[in-house]
Amino acid sequence: MKLPGLIPLYRSMKDQNIGRYKFRYQLNNLTFDCLFFIDLEPFELVMGCLGHNFAIFREVQHGFEIEPFIEPKETFFALLEALRTANNSASRFDPKQFFLDFDQQIPSQANPRNIATAQDVVRYYSDIEEADKVHFCGWLDNSLRRNRVTESNLEKTRRLMGQQIHDFSQRRNLSTRWTNDRSMAVEFYYPD
């Protein structure tokens, strides 16, 4: 199914050089914290249900197409339970209608204040290496130590910073370095 509401948001993000964006979606009494990544291929959409312990992950293919399913089944049932709790209704739930409703609430303009941060990302990806360390603090040149950048560091880099920086790290055999101390964080830079 196509999500045409993502098209103007995508264009606005591209115009402002924003690769990751955060916005909210309201369904009945539920609020979803949504992350839209256009710096990954395919694009990715994450919808975390605030106050409940689940998130919906969808790949967004060319043409802004998604599979209108909610998987795994545990997530589907968690959403049903949250909806039942929110409106005391056991009415039939249609995932396609869920995504159609979502599509109507997608913002058309990106606001630079709503760029998704590393902290936003790790909230939904619990398998990230050293998930408590989300502040970029530099680079480690693995060639100097005769090592290779690890797959787990590359995956963390891709998740927190996007495909382009992941590919750069892989090509140059560089590891991104991370800290949990905000005061040690540095602005992202490409090394010489």
N, C-alpha and C. Protein backbone atom coordinates (compact mmCIF):
# COMPACT_ATOMS: atom_id res chain seq x y z
N MET A 1 0.85 -1.18 0.00
CA MET A 1 0.00 0.00 0.00
C MET A 1 0.89 1.23 0.00
N LYS A 2 0.42 2.27 -0.64
CA LYS A 2 1.18 3.51 -0.75
C LYS A 2 0.80 4.46 0.38
N LEU A 3 1.81 5.16 0.91
CA LEU A 3 1.59 6.21 1.91
C LEU A 3 1.93 7.56 1.26
N PRO A 4 1.00 8.15 0.50
CA PRO A 4 1.31 9.40 -0.19
C PRO A 4 1.60 10.56 0.75
N GLY A 5 1.15 10.47 2.00
CA GLY A 5 1.44 11.52 2.97
C GLY A 5 2.92 11.66 3.27
N LEU A 6 3.70 10.61 3.01
CA LEU A 6 5.14 10.70 3.24
C LEU A 6 5.86 11.52 2.17
N ILE A 7 5.25 11.68 1.00
CA ILE A 7 5.93 12.35 -0.11
C ILE A 7 6.27 13.80 0.20
N PRO A 8 5.31 14.65 0.64
CA PRO A 8 5.70 16.03 0.96
C PRO A 8 6.67 16.12 2.13
N LEU A 9 6.54 15.23 3.11
CA LEU A 9 7.50 15.23 4.22
C LEU A 9 8.88 14.87 3.70
N TYR A 10 8.98 13.86 2.87
CA TYR A 10 10.26 13.47 2.27
C TYR A 10 10.88 14.65 1.53
N ARG A 11 10.10 15.33 0.70
CA ARG A 11 10.63 16.47 -0.07
C ARG A 11 11.13 17.58 0.85
N SER A 12 10.36 17.86 1.90
CA SER A 12 10.76 18.88 2.86
C SER A 12 12.05 18.48 3.57
N MET A 13 12.16 17.20 3.93
CA MET A 13 13.38 16.72 4.57
C MET A 13 14.57 16.85 3.63
N LYS A 14 14.39 16.45 2.37
CA LYS A 14 15.48 16.55 1.38
C LYS A 14 15.90 18.01 1.19
N ASP A 15 14.92 18.90 1.07
CA ASP A 15 15.21 20.33 0.88
C ASP A 15 16.02 20.90 2.03
N GLN A 16 15.82 20.36 3.23
CA GLN A 16 16.51 20.88 4.42
C GLN A 16 17.68 20.00 4.84
N ASN A 17 17.99 18.99 4.03
CA ASN A 17 19.09 18.07 4.33
C ASN A 17 18.89 17.37 5.68
N ILE A 18 17.67 16.91 5.93
CA ILE A 18 17.32 16.18 7.15
C ILE A 18 17.17 14.72 6.78
N GLY A 19 17.94 13.85 7.40
CA GLY A 19 17.88 12.43 7.10
C GLY A 19 16.96 11.64 8.01
N ARG A 20 16.67 12.20 9.20
CA ARG A 20 15.88 11.49 10.20
C ARG A 20 14.94 12.47 10.87
N TYR A 21 13.67 12.10 10.90
CA TYR A 21 12.68 13.04 11.41
C TYR A 21 11.75 12.36 12.42
N LYS A 22 11.29 13.14 13.38
CA LYS A 22 10.42 12.63 14.45
C LYS A 22 9.12 13.43 14.47
N PHE A 23 8.01 12.71 14.55
CA PHE A 23 6.71 13.37 14.66
C PHE A 23 5.75 12.46 15.41
N ARG A 24 4.58 12.98 15.75
CA ARG A 24 3.60 12.23 16.53
C ARG A 24 2.39 11.86 15.68
N TYR A 25 1.80 10.73 16.03
CA TYR A 25 0.56 10.25 15.42
C TYR A 25 -0.40 9.90 16.54
N GLN A 26 -1.61 10.42 16.46
CA GLN A 26 -2.63 10.19 17.48
C GLN A 26 -3.71 9.28 16.92
N LEU A 27 -4.04 8.22 17.64
CA LEU A 27 -5.12 7.31 17.28
C LEU A 27 -5.95 7.07 18.53
N ASN A 28 -7.17 7.59 18.52
CA ASN A 28 -8.02 7.54 19.71
C ASN A 28 -7.23 8.16 20.87
N ASN A 29 -7.03 7.44 21.95
CA ASN A 29 -6.27 7.97 23.08
C ASN A 29 -4.81 7.53 23.07
N LEU A 30 -4.38 6.90 21.99
CA LEU A 30 -2.99 6.46 21.89
C LEU A 30 -2.16 7.48 21.13
N THR A 31 -0.92 7.65 21.57
CA THR A 31 0.01 8.52 20.87
C THR A 31 1.22 7.69 20.45
N PHE A 32 1.60 7.85 19.20
CA PHE A 32 2.76 7.15 18.65
C PHE A 32 3.86 8.16 18.38
N ASP A 33 5.05 7.83 18.83
CA ASP A 33 6.26 8.59 18.54
C ASP A 33 6.82 7.98 17.25
N CYS A 34 6.79 8.72 16.15
CA CYS A 34 7.17 8.17 14.84
C CYS A 34 8.52 8.71 14.40
N LEU A 35 9.34 7.82 13.88
CA LEU A 35 10.64 8.17 13.32
C LEU A 35 10.63 7.76 11.86
N PHE A 36 11.05 8.68 10.97
CA PHE A 36 11.11 8.41 9.54
C PHE A 36 12.55 8.63 9.09
N PHE A 37 13.17 7.55 8.61
CA PHE A 37 14.57 7.59 8.19
C PHE A 37 14.64 7.54 6.67
N ILE A 38 15.15 8.62 6.06
CA ILE A 38 15.36 8.60 4.61
C ILE A 38 16.84 8.46 4.27
N ASP A 39 17.66 8.29 5.29
CA ASP A 39 19.10 8.09 5.07
C ASP A 39 19.46 6.61 5.10
N LEU A 40 18.45 5.75 5.06
CA LEU A 40 18.64 4.30 4.96
C LEU A 40 17.99 3.82 3.67
N GLU A 41 18.46 2.72 3.17
CA GLU A 41 17.87 2.13 1.96
C GLU A 41 17.48 0.70 2.26
N PRO A 42 16.22 0.33 2.23
CA PRO A 42 15.08 1.21 1.97
C PRO A 42 14.83 2.16 3.15
N PHE A 43 13.98 3.16 2.92
CA PHE A 43 13.61 4.06 4.01
C PHE A 43 12.99 3.23 5.12
N GLU A 44 12.94 3.82 6.31
CA GLU A 44 12.39 3.08 7.44
C GLU A 44 11.44 3.97 8.24
N LEU A 45 10.38 3.36 8.73
CA LEU A 45 9.39 4.03 9.55
C LEU A 45 9.26 3.24 10.86
N VAL A 46 9.37 3.95 11.98
CA VAL A 46 9.21 3.35 13.30
C VAL A 46 8.08 4.09 14.00
N MET A 47 7.16 3.33 14.59
CA MET A 47 6.03 3.92 15.30
C MET A 47 5.98 3.33 16.71
N GLY A 48 6.52 4.06 17.68
CA GLY A 48 6.52 3.59 19.06
C GLY A 48 5.30 4.09 19.80
N CYS A 49 4.57 3.19 20.42
CA CYS A 49 3.35 3.56 21.15
C CYS A 49 3.74 4.03 22.56
N LEU A 50 3.54 5.31 22.82
CA LEU A 50 3.92 5.88 24.11
C LEU A 50 3.05 5.32 25.22
N GLY A 51 3.70 4.96 26.32
CA GLY A 51 2.99 4.39 27.46
C GLY A 51 2.74 2.90 27.34
N HIS A 52 3.18 2.31 26.25
CA HIS A 52 3.04 0.87 26.03
C HIS A 52 4.39 0.36 25.53
N ASN A 53 4.64 -0.89 25.72
CA ASN A 53 5.96 -1.44 25.43
C ASN A 53 6.01 -2.14 24.07
N PHE A 54 5.76 -1.38 23.00
CA PHE A 54 5.90 -1.96 21.67
C PHE A 54 6.11 -0.87 20.63
N ALA A 55 6.67 -1.27 19.51
CA ALA A 55 6.87 -0.37 18.38
C ALA A 55 6.62 -1.15 17.10
N ILE A 56 6.15 -0.45 16.10
CA ILE A 56 5.89 -1.01 14.78
C ILE A 56 7.00 -0.55 13.85
N PHE A 57 7.63 -1.48 13.15
CA PHE A 57 8.72 -1.18 12.23
C PHE A 57 8.27 -1.53 10.81
N ARG A 58 8.39 -0.58 9.88
CA ARG A 58 8.03 -0.83 8.49
C ARG A 58 9.12 -0.29 7.57
N GLU A 59 9.50 -1.10 6.60
CA GLU A 59 10.35 -0.61 5.52
C GLU A 59 9.46 0.16 4.56
N VAL A 60 9.99 1.28 4.06
CA VAL A 60 9.27 2.09 3.08
C VAL A 60 10.02 1.95 1.77
N GLN A 61 9.41 1.26 0.83
CA GLN A 61 10.05 0.96 -0.46
C GLN A 61 9.89 2.14 -1.42
N HIS A 62 10.55 2.03 -2.58
CA HIS A 62 10.39 3.05 -3.63
C HIS A 62 8.91 3.24 -3.92
N GLY A 63 8.52 4.48 -4.15
CA GLY A 63 7.11 4.77 -4.38
C GLY A 63 6.34 4.94 -3.08
N PHE A 64 7.06 4.93 -1.95
CA PHE A 64 6.48 5.10 -0.61
C PHE A 64 5.47 4.00 -0.30
N GLU A 65 5.84 2.79 -0.71
CA GLU A 65 5.02 1.61 -0.50
C GLU A 65 5.46 0.89 0.77
N ILE A 66 4.47 0.42 1.53
CA ILE A 66 4.73 -0.41 2.71
C ILE A 66 3.86 -1.65 2.63
N GLU A 67 4.24 -2.65 3.39
CA GLU A 67 3.37 -3.81 3.60
C GLU A 67 2.42 -3.44 4.73
N PRO A 68 1.10 -3.48 4.50
CA PRO A 68 0.15 -3.02 5.53
C PRO A 68 -0.13 -4.09 6.59
N PHE A 69 0.93 -4.59 7.19
CA PHE A 69 0.81 -5.60 8.23
C PHE A 69 1.49 -5.10 9.48
N ILE A 70 1.09 -5.64 10.60
CA ILE A 70 1.76 -5.33 11.86
C ILE A 70 2.32 -6.64 12.37
N GLU A 71 3.64 -6.72 12.32
CA GLU A 71 4.36 -7.94 12.69
C GLU A 71 5.47 -7.57 13.66
N PRO A 72 5.93 -8.48 14.48
CA PRO A 72 5.44 -9.85 14.66
C PRO A 72 4.07 -9.85 15.35
N LYS A 73 3.52 -11.03 15.50
CA LYS A 73 2.16 -11.13 16.06
C LYS A 73 2.09 -10.56 17.46
N GLU A 74 3.20 -10.60 18.22
CA GLU A 74 3.20 -10.03 19.58
C GLU A 74 2.92 -8.53 19.51
N THR A 75 3.49 -7.87 18.51
CA THR A 75 3.26 -6.43 18.34
C THR A 75 1.81 -6.17 17.94
N PHE A 76 1.29 -6.99 17.04
CA PHE A 76 -0.11 -6.86 16.62
C PHE A 76 -1.04 -6.98 17.84
N PHE A 77 -0.81 -7.99 18.67
CA PHE A 77 -1.67 -8.19 19.83
C PHE A 77 -1.47 -7.10 20.88
N ALA A 78 -0.25 -6.58 21.01
CA ALA A 78 -0.01 -5.46 21.93
C ALA A 78 -0.78 -4.22 21.48
N LEU A 79 -0.81 -3.98 20.17
CA LEU A 79 -1.58 -2.85 19.64
C LEU A 79 -3.08 -3.05 19.90
N LEU A 80 -3.57 -4.25 19.65
CA LEU A 80 -4.99 -4.53 19.92
C LEU A 80 -5.33 -4.28 21.39
N GLU A 81 -4.46 -4.74 22.28
CA GLU A 81 -4.69 -4.56 23.71
C GLU A 81 -4.66 -3.08 24.08
N ALA A 82 -3.71 -2.33 23.53
CA ALA A 82 -3.62 -0.89 23.80
C ALA A 82 -4.87 -0.17 23.30
N LEU A 83 -5.35 -0.55 22.12
CA LEU A 83 -6.57 0.06 21.58
C LEU A 83 -7.78 -0.30 22.43
N ARG A 84 -7.86 -1.52 22.87
CA ARG A 84 -8.97 -1.98 23.71
C ARG A 84 -8.95 -1.20 25.03
N THR A 85 -7.78 -1.04 25.60
CA THR A 85 -7.64 -0.30 26.86
C THR A 85 -7.98 1.17 26.66
N ALA A 86 -7.58 1.72 25.51
CA ALA A 86 -7.77 3.15 25.26
C ALA A 86 -9.23 3.51 25.01
N ASN A 87 -9.98 2.64 24.36
CA ASN A 87 -11.36 3.04 24.04
C ASN A 87 -12.40 2.01 24.48
N ASN A 88 -11.98 1.05 25.29
CA ASN A 88 -12.89 0.02 25.81
C ASN A 88 -13.73 -0.63 24.71
N SER A 89 -13.13 -0.80 23.57
CA SER A 89 -13.86 -1.37 22.44
C SER A 89 -13.14 -2.61 21.94
N ALA A 90 -13.90 -3.57 21.58
CA ALA A 90 -13.32 -4.78 20.98
C ALA A 90 -13.68 -4.82 19.49
N SER A 91 -13.93 -3.64 18.90
CA SER A 91 -14.30 -3.61 17.49
C SER A 91 -13.17 -4.15 16.62
N ARG A 92 -13.55 -4.63 15.46
CA ARG A 92 -12.59 -5.25 14.55
C ARG A 92 -11.52 -4.25 14.13
N PHE A 93 -10.28 -4.67 14.22
CA PHE A 93 -9.15 -3.82 13.86
C PHE A 93 -8.66 -4.19 12.47
N ASP A 94 -8.43 -3.18 11.63
CA ASP A 94 -7.95 -3.38 10.27
C ASP A 94 -6.61 -2.67 10.12
N PRO A 95 -5.50 -3.42 9.98
CA PRO A 95 -4.19 -2.79 9.85
C PRO A 95 -4.11 -1.82 8.68
N LYS A 96 -4.75 -2.15 7.57
CA LYS A 96 -4.72 -1.24 6.42
C LYS A 96 -5.37 0.10 6.78
N GLN A 97 -6.48 0.06 7.49
CA GLN A 97 -7.14 1.29 7.91
C GLN A 97 -6.27 2.06 8.90
N PHE A 98 -5.57 1.33 9.76
CA PHE A 98 -4.62 1.94 10.70
C PHE A 98 -3.60 2.78 9.93
N PHE A 99 -3.02 2.21 8.88
CA PHE A 99 -2.02 2.94 8.10
C PHE A 99 -2.65 4.05 7.26
N LEU A 100 -3.88 3.88 6.79
CA LEU A 100 -4.57 4.96 6.08
C LEU A 100 -4.81 6.14 7.01
N ASP A 101 -5.24 5.86 8.25
CA ASP A 101 -5.43 6.92 9.24
C ASP A 101 -4.11 7.61 9.54
N PHE A 102 -3.06 6.82 9.70
CA PHE A 102 -1.73 7.36 9.95
C PHE A 102 -1.32 8.30 8.81
N ASP A 103 -1.55 7.86 7.57
CA ASP A 103 -1.15 8.64 6.40
C ASP A 103 -1.78 10.04 6.41
N GLN A 104 -2.98 10.15 6.94
CA GLN A 104 -3.67 11.44 6.99
C GLN A 104 -3.04 12.41 8.00
N GLN A 105 -2.27 11.89 8.94
CA GLN A 105 -1.69 12.74 9.99
C GLN A 105 -0.20 13.01 9.81
N ILE A 106 0.38 12.54 8.74
CA ILE A 106 1.81 12.78 8.50
C ILE A 106 2.01 14.26 8.20
N PRO A 107 2.93 14.92 8.90
CA PRO A 107 3.16 16.34 8.60
C PRO A 107 3.74 16.50 7.20
N SER A 108 3.40 17.60 6.55
CA SER A 108 3.91 17.83 5.20
C SER A 108 5.23 18.60 5.20
N GLN A 109 5.51 19.29 6.29
CA GLN A 109 6.74 20.08 6.40
C GLN A 109 7.59 19.57 7.56
N ALA A 110 8.88 19.45 7.32
CA ALA A 110 9.82 19.07 8.38
C ALA A 110 10.27 20.32 9.12
N ASN A 111 10.28 20.23 10.43
CA ASN A 111 10.78 21.32 11.27
C ASN A 111 12.13 20.87 11.82
N PRO A 112 13.19 21.66 11.60
CA PRO A 112 14.53 21.25 12.07
C PRO A 112 14.60 20.94 13.56
N ARG A 113 13.66 21.44 14.35
CA ARG A 113 13.65 21.13 15.78
C ARG A 113 13.23 19.70 16.06
N ASN A 114 12.68 19.01 15.06
CA ASN A 114 12.18 17.65 15.25
C ASN A 114 13.06 16.60 14.57
N ILE A 115 14.32 16.90 14.40
CA ILE A 115 15.24 15.91 13.86
C ILE A 115 15.40 14.80 14.89
N ALA A 116 15.28 13.56 14.45
CA ALA A 116 15.44 12.41 15.36
C ALA A 116 16.89 12.32 15.82
N THR A 117 17.08 12.14 17.12
CA THR A 117 18.42 12.05 17.70
C THR A 117 18.79 10.58 17.95
N ALA A 118 20.05 10.37 18.30
CA ALA A 118 20.50 9.02 18.66
C ALA A 118 19.69 8.48 19.85
N GLN A 119 19.36 9.35 20.80
CA GLN A 119 18.55 8.93 21.95
C GLN A 119 17.17 8.45 21.50
N ASP A 120 16.60 9.11 20.51
CA ASP A 120 15.31 8.67 19.98
C ASP A 120 15.43 7.28 19.36
N VAL A 121 16.51 7.04 18.64
CA VAL A 121 16.70 5.78 17.93
C VAL A 121 16.88 4.61 18.90
N VAL A 122 17.76 4.76 19.90
CA VAL A 122 18.03 3.63 20.80
C VAL A 122 16.82 3.26 21.64
N ARG A 123 15.88 4.15 21.77
CA ARG A 123 14.65 3.84 22.50
C ARG A 123 13.92 2.66 21.85
N TYR A 124 14.07 2.50 20.54
CA TYR A 124 13.34 1.46 19.82
C TYR A 124 14.21 0.32 19.29
N TYR A 125 15.51 0.50 19.34
CA TYR A 125 16.43 -0.55 18.88
C TYR A 125 17.28 -1.01 20.05
N SER A 126 16.77 -1.94 20.81
CA SER A 126 17.44 -2.38 22.04
C SER A 126 18.68 -3.22 21.76
N ASP A 127 18.85 -3.68 20.53
CA ASP A 127 19.98 -4.55 20.21
C ASP A 127 21.23 -3.78 19.78
N ILE A 128 21.22 -2.47 19.89
CA ILE A 128 22.39 -1.68 19.50
C ILE A 128 23.51 -1.89 20.51
N GLU A 129 24.72 -2.05 20.00
CA GLU A 129 25.90 -2.22 20.84
C GLU A 129 26.03 -1.04 21.81
N GLU A 130 26.24 -1.33 23.09
CA GLU A 130 26.40 -0.32 24.13
C GLU A 130 25.35 0.79 23.98
N ALA A 131 24.10 0.41 24.10
CA ALA A 131 22.98 1.32 23.84
C ALA A 131 22.96 2.53 24.78
N ASP A 132 23.66 2.44 25.91
CA ASP A 132 23.71 3.59 26.82
C ASP A 132 24.66 4.67 26.31
N LYS A 133 25.54 4.32 25.38
CA LYS A 133 26.50 5.28 24.83
C LYS A 133 25.96 5.80 23.50
N VAL A 134 25.37 7.00 23.54
CA VAL A 134 24.71 7.54 22.35
C VAL A 134 25.28 8.88 21.90
N HIS A 135 26.33 9.35 22.56
CA HIS A 135 26.92 10.64 22.20
C HIS A 135 28.21 10.38 21.42
N PHE A 136 28.25 10.86 20.18
CA PHE A 136 29.42 10.69 19.32
C PHE A 136 30.59 11.44 19.94
N CYS A 137 31.77 10.76 20.01
CA CYS A 137 32.94 11.42 20.59
C CYS A 137 34.20 11.23 19.74
N GLY A 138 34.04 10.81 18.49
CA GLY A 138 35.21 10.75 17.62
C GLY A 138 35.30 9.45 16.83
N TRP A 139 36.51 9.23 16.32
CA TRP A 139 36.78 8.10 15.43
C TRP A 139 37.95 7.29 15.95
N LEU A 140 37.98 6.02 15.61
CA LEU A 140 39.10 5.14 15.92
C LEU A 140 39.55 4.53 14.60
N ASP A 141 40.82 4.76 14.25
CA ASP A 141 41.38 4.22 13.01
C ASP A 141 41.87 2.80 13.28
N ASN A 142 41.12 1.83 12.82
CA ASN A 142 41.46 0.43 13.06
C ASN A 142 42.69 -0.02 12.31
N SER A 143 43.02 0.64 11.21
CA SER A 143 44.21 0.26 10.43
C SER A 143 45.48 0.47 11.25
N LEU A 144 45.50 1.49 12.08
CA LEU A 144 46.68 1.75 12.91
C LEU A 144 46.91 0.62 13.91
N ARG A 145 45.83 -0.04 14.31
CA ARG A 145 45.91 -1.12 15.29
C ARG A 145 45.87 -2.50 14.62
N ARG A 146 45.88 -2.49 13.30
CA ARG A 146 45.80 -3.73 12.51
C ARG A 146 44.56 -4.55 12.85
N ASN A 147 43.48 -3.85 13.03
CA ASN A 147 42.18 -4.47 13.30
C ASN A 147 41.21 -4.11 12.19
N ARG A 148 40.02 -4.66 12.28
CA ARG A 148 38.93 -4.33 11.36
C ARG A 148 37.79 -3.73 12.18
N VAL A 149 37.09 -2.79 11.59
CA VAL A 149 35.90 -2.25 12.24
C VAL A 149 34.92 -3.40 12.43
N THR A 150 34.30 -3.48 13.60
CA THR A 150 33.42 -4.61 13.90
C THR A 150 32.04 -4.41 13.26
N GLU A 151 31.38 -5.52 12.99
CA GLU A 151 30.03 -5.46 12.44
C GLU A 151 29.08 -4.75 13.41
N SER A 152 29.27 -4.97 14.71
CA SER A 152 28.37 -4.34 15.68
C SER A 152 28.56 -2.82 15.69
N ASN A 153 29.80 -2.34 15.52
CA ASN A 153 30.03 -0.90 15.45
C ASN A 153 29.45 -0.33 14.16
N LEU A 154 29.61 -1.06 13.07
CA LEU A 154 29.04 -0.60 11.80
C LEU A 154 27.52 -0.51 11.89
N GLU A 155 26.90 -1.50 12.52
CA GLU A 155 25.44 -1.49 12.65
C GLU A 155 24.98 -0.34 13.55
N LYS A 156 25.71 -0.09 14.63
CA LYS A 156 25.37 1.04 15.50
C LYS A 156 25.51 2.35 14.72
N THR A 157 26.58 2.47 13.95
CA THR A 157 26.79 3.67 13.14
C THR A 157 25.64 3.85 12.15
N ARG A 158 25.24 2.78 11.49
CA ARG A 158 24.14 2.86 10.52
C ARG A 158 22.84 3.25 11.20
N ARG A 159 22.56 2.64 12.35
CA ARG A 159 21.31 2.93 13.06
C ARG A 159 21.28 4.37 13.58
N LEU A 160 22.39 4.83 14.15
CA LEU A 160 22.39 6.15 14.80
C LEU A 160 22.73 7.29 13.86
N MET A 161 23.46 7.00 12.76
CA MET A 161 23.94 8.08 11.91
C MET A 161 23.56 7.94 10.44
N GLY A 162 23.11 6.78 10.03
CA GLY A 162 22.66 6.62 8.65
C GLY A 162 23.62 5.82 7.78
N GLN A 163 23.11 5.45 6.61
CA GLN A 163 23.83 4.57 5.69
C GLN A 163 25.11 5.20 5.15
N GLN A 164 25.07 6.49 4.85
CA GLN A 164 26.23 7.16 4.26
C GLN A 164 27.44 7.11 5.20
N ILE A 165 27.24 7.38 6.47
CA ILE A 165 28.34 7.36 7.43
C ILE A 165 28.78 5.92 7.69
N HIS A 166 27.84 4.99 7.72
CA HIS A 166 28.18 3.57 7.81
C HIS A 166 29.11 3.17 6.68
N ASP A 167 28.75 3.52 5.45
CA ASP A 167 29.55 3.15 4.28
C ASP A 167 30.94 3.78 4.33
N PHE A 168 31.00 5.04 4.77
CA PHE A 168 32.29 5.73 4.93
C PHE A 168 33.16 4.98 5.94
N SER A 169 32.58 4.63 7.08
CA SER A 169 33.32 3.91 8.13
C SER A 169 33.85 2.58 7.61
N GLN A 170 33.02 1.88 6.88
CA GLN A 170 33.41 0.57 6.35
C GLN A 170 34.55 0.71 5.33
N ARG A 171 34.41 1.67 4.41
CA ARG A 171 35.45 1.89 3.39
C ARG A 171 36.79 2.25 4.01
N ARG A 172 36.77 3.10 5.03
CA ARG A 172 38.00 3.62 5.63
C ARG A 172 38.49 2.79 6.82
N ASN A 173 37.74 1.74 7.20
CA ASN A 173 38.09 0.90 8.35
C ASN A 173 38.17 1.73 9.63
N LEU A 174 37.17 2.59 9.81
CA LEU A 174 37.10 3.45 10.99
C LEU A 174 35.91 3.05 11.85
N SER A 175 36.11 3.08 13.15
CA SER A 175 35.01 2.86 14.10
C SER A 175 34.55 4.20 14.64
N THR A 176 33.25 4.37 14.74
CA THR A 176 32.74 5.53 15.45
C THR A 176 32.92 5.26 16.94
N ARG A 177 33.23 6.32 17.69
CA ARG A 177 33.39 6.18 19.13
C ARG A 177 32.21 6.88 19.80
N TRP A 178 31.77 6.29 20.92
CA TRP A 178 30.56 6.77 21.59
C TRP A 178 30.80 6.83 23.09
N THR A 179 30.11 7.75 23.75
CA THR A 179 30.20 7.89 25.19
C THR A 179 28.80 8.08 25.77
N ASN A 180 28.66 7.78 27.06
CA ASN A 180 27.40 8.08 27.74
C ASN A 180 27.48 9.42 28.46
N ASP A 181 28.64 10.07 28.41
CA ASP A 181 28.86 11.36 29.05
C ASP A 181 28.65 12.48 28.02
N ARG A 182 27.55 13.18 28.16
CA ARG A 182 27.21 14.24 27.21
C ARG A 182 28.31 15.30 27.10
N SER A 183 29.02 15.57 28.19
CA SER A 183 30.06 16.61 28.17
C SER A 183 31.26 16.21 27.31
N MET A 184 31.40 14.92 27.01
CA MET A 184 32.50 14.47 26.16
C MET A 184 32.10 14.36 24.69
N ALA A 185 30.85 14.64 24.39
CA ALA A 185 30.37 14.56 23.01
C ALA A 185 30.99 15.66 22.17
N VAL A 186 31.20 15.34 20.90
CA VAL A 186 31.68 16.33 19.94
C VAL A 186 30.71 16.37 18.76
N GLU A 187 30.70 17.49 18.08
CA GLU A 187 29.91 17.62 16.86
C GLU A 187 30.45 16.64 15.84
N PHE A 188 29.57 16.00 15.09
CA PHE A 188 30.02 15.03 14.10
C PHE A 188 30.94 15.70 13.08
N TYR A 189 31.98 14.98 12.70
CA TYR A 189 32.91 15.45 11.67
C TYR A 189 33.43 14.24 10.91
N TYR A 190 33.86 14.48 9.68
CA TYR A 190 34.56 13.44 8.91
C TYR A 190 36.05 13.63 9.14
N PRO A 191 36.77 12.56 9.46
CA PRO A 191 38.22 12.70 9.67
C PRO A 191 38.95 12.93 8.35
N ASP A 192 40.14 13.48 8.46
CA ASP A 192 40.97 13.73 7.25
C ASP A 192 41.38 12.44 6.60
